Amino acid sequence: MLKDLTSLAGQMKSQGATCFKTVDPEMVKMQNEDIRNRSEVRKKEVDSRFGRIGQRYDQTKTAFMPLMSDPRDVQKFPGR
């Protein structure tokens, strides 16, 4: 389960990075300065959200690790 979540988190980060790489060249091409500026603000907001999601994932993963090890420890106990 943790491997699946880690894999999904990695995919999300990769897709986000790919998206931002394609957005930057497109924004440079925009001739309307107002639209370009609003797009830049929006991009920064989305990038910030992605960052917070990543931080929360890391915090949750750290908090979840002891919960995952307890069942493994019980399985290792002789005579279970």
C-alpha atoms as a PDB file:
ATOM      1  CA  MET A   1       0.000   0.000   0.000  1.00  0.00           C
ATOM      2  CA  LEU A   2       2.771   2.438   0.927  1.00  0.00           C
ATOM      3  CA  LYS A   3       4.633   1.533  -2.271  1.00  0.00           C
ATOM      4  CA  ASP A   4       1.503   2.351  -4.282  1.00  0.00           C
ATOM      5  CA  LEU A   5       1.146   5.738  -2.593  1.00  0.00           C
ATOM      6  CA  THR A   6       4.828   6.488  -3.091  1.00  0.00           C
ATOM      7  CA  SER A   7       4.519   5.568  -6.746  1.00  0.00           C
ATOM      8  CA  LEU A   8       1.454   7.775  -7.199  1.00  0.00           C
ATOM      9  CA  ALA A   9       3.187  10.666  -5.455  1.00  0.00           C
ATOM     10  CA  GLY A  10       6.157  10.286  -7.793  1.00  0.00           C
ATOM     11  CA  GLN A  11       3.879  10.240 -10.821  1.00  0.00           C
ATOM     12  CA  MET A  12       2.105  13.366  -9.620  1.00  0.00           C
ATOM     13  CA  LYS A  13       5.402  15.220  -9.153  1.00  0.00           C
ATOM     14  CA  SER A  14       6.594  14.119 -12.582  1.00  0.00           C
ATOM     15  CA  GLN A  15       3.372  15.152 -14.309  1.00  0.00           C
ATOM     16  CA  GLY A  16       3.414  18.500 -12.517  1.00  0.00           C
ATOM     17  CA  ALA A  17       6.994  19.158 -13.608  1.00  0.00           C
ATOM     18  CA  THR A  18       6.130  18.238 -17.192  1.00  0.00           C
ATOM     19  CA  CYS A  19       3.112  20.537 -17.131  1.00  0.00           C
ATOM     20  CA  PHE A  20       5.143  23.479 -15.853  1.00  0.00           C
ATOM     21  CA  LYS A  21       7.805  22.906 -18.512  1.00  0.00           C
ATOM     22  CA  THR A  22       5.196  23.248 -21.251  1.00  0.00           C
ATOM     23  CA  VAL A  23       3.470  26.245 -19.652  1.00  0.00           C
ATOM     24  CA  ASP A  24       6.549  28.480 -19.488  1.00  0.00           C
ATOM     25  CA  PRO A  25       7.271  28.570 -23.249  1.00  0.00           C
ATOM     26  CA  GLU A  26       3.590  29.152 -23.976  1.00  0.00           C
ATOM     27  CA  MET A  27       3.408  32.070 -21.560  1.00  0.00           C
ATOM     28  CA  VAL A  28       6.395  33.745 -23.221  1.00  0.00           C
ATOM     29  CA  LYS A  29       4.484  33.678 -26.518  1.00  0.00           C
ATOM     30  CA  MET A  30       1.491  35.527 -25.050  1.00  0.00           C
ATOM     31  CA  GLN A  31       1.261  39.019 -26.455  1.00  0.00           C
ATOM     32  CA  ASN A  32      -1.361  40.330 -24.061  1.00  0.00           C
ATOM     33  CA  GLU A  33       0.620  41.437 -21.016  1.00  0.00           C
ATOM     34  CA  ASP A  34      -2.405  41.322 -18.691  1.00  0.00           C
ATOM     35  CA  ILE A  35      -3.179  37.706 -19.615  1.00  0.00           C
ATOM     36  CA  ARG A  36       0.493  36.780 -19.340  1.00  0.00           C
ATOM     37  CA  ASN A  37       0.733  38.372 -15.870  1.00  0.00           C
ATOM     38  CA  ARG A  38      -2.449  36.673 -14.646  1.00  0.00           C
ATOM     39  CA  SER A  39      -1.186  33.378 -16.050  1.00  0.00           C
ATOM     40  CA  GLU A  40       2.079  33.796 -14.169  1.00  0.00           C
ATOM     41  CA  VAL A  41       0.208  34.482 -10.916  1.00  0.00           C
ATOM     42  CA  ARG A  42      -1.987  31.424 -11.483  1.00  0.00           C
ATOM     43  CA  LYS A  43       1.046  29.272 -12.275  1.00  0.00           C
ATOM     44  CA  LYS A  44       2.698  30.354  -9.020  1.00  0.00           C
ATOM     45  CA  GLU A  45      -0.474  29.506  -7.077  1.00  0.00           C
ATOM     46  CA  VAL A  46      -0.672  26.041  -8.610  1.00  0.00           C
ATOM     47  CA  ASP A  47       3.047  25.462  -8.073  1.00  0.00           C
ATOM     48  CA  SER A  48       2.626  26.450  -4.427  1.00  0.00           C
ATOM     49  CA  ARG A  49      -0.262  24.002  -4.039  1.00  0.00           C
ATOM     50  CA  PHE A  50       1.812  21.220  -5.563  1.00  0.00           C
ATOM     51  CA  GLY A  51       4.570  22.028  -3.088  1.00  0.00           C
ATOM     52  CA  ARG A  52       2.190  21.907  -0.128  1.00  0.00           C
ATOM     53  CA  ILE A  53       0.734  18.607  -1.319  1.00  0.00           C
ATOM     54  CA  GLY A  54       4.236  17.170  -1.523  1.00  0.00           C
ATOM     55  CA  GLN A  55       5.081  18.409   1.975  1.00  0.00           C
ATOM     56  CA  ARG A  56       1.868  16.987   3.409  1.00  0.00           C
ATOM     57  CA  TYR A  57       2.531  13.666   1.714  1.00  0.00           C
ATOM     58  CA  ASP A  58       6.009  13.521   3.240  1.00  0.00           C
ATOM     59  CA  GLN A  59       4.628  14.398   6.697  1.00  0.00           C
ATOM     60  CA  THR A  60       1.878  11.793   6.396  1.00  0.00           C
ATOM     61  CA  LYS A  61       4.318   9.144   5.209  1.00  0.00           C
ATOM     62  CA  THR A  62       6.592   9.838   8.181  1.00  0.00           C
ATOM     63  CA  ALA A  63       3.673   9.624  10.611  1.00  0.00           C
ATOM     64  CA  PHE A  64       2.356   6.463   8.926  1.00  0.00           C
ATOM     65  CA  MET A  65       5.635   4.484   9.042  1.00  0.00           C
ATOM     66  CA  PRO A  66       5.284   3.342  12.690  1.00  0.00           C
ATOM     67  CA  LEU A  67       1.774   2.117  11.961  1.00  0.00           C
ATOM     68  CA  MET A  68       3.102  -0.003   9.108  1.00  0.00           C
ATOM     69  CA  SER A  69       5.916  -1.514  11.170  1.00  0.00           C
ATOM     70  CA  ASP A  70       3.715  -2.631  14.087  1.00  0.00           C
ATOM     71  CA  PRO A  71       1.833  -5.327  12.097  1.00  0.00           C
ATOM     72  CA  ARG A  72       5.133  -6.573  10.654  1.00  0.00           C
ATOM     73  CA  ASP A  73       6.570  -6.842  14.159  1.00  0.00           C
ATOM     74  CA  VAL A  74       3.531  -8.840  15.303  1.00  0.00           C
ATOM     75  CA  GLN A  75       3.937 -11.205  12.337  1.00  0.00           C
ATOM     76  CA  LYS A  76       7.578 -11.794  13.284  1.00  0.00           C
ATOM     77  CA  PHE A  77       6.701 -12.690  16.877  1.00  0.00           C
ATOM     78  CA  PRO A  78       7.099 -16.443  17.443  1.00  0.00           C
ATOM     79  CA  GLY A  79       3.972 -18.320  18.374  1.00  0.00           C
ATOM     80  CA  ARG A  80       1.580 -15.838  16.857  1.00  0.00           C
END
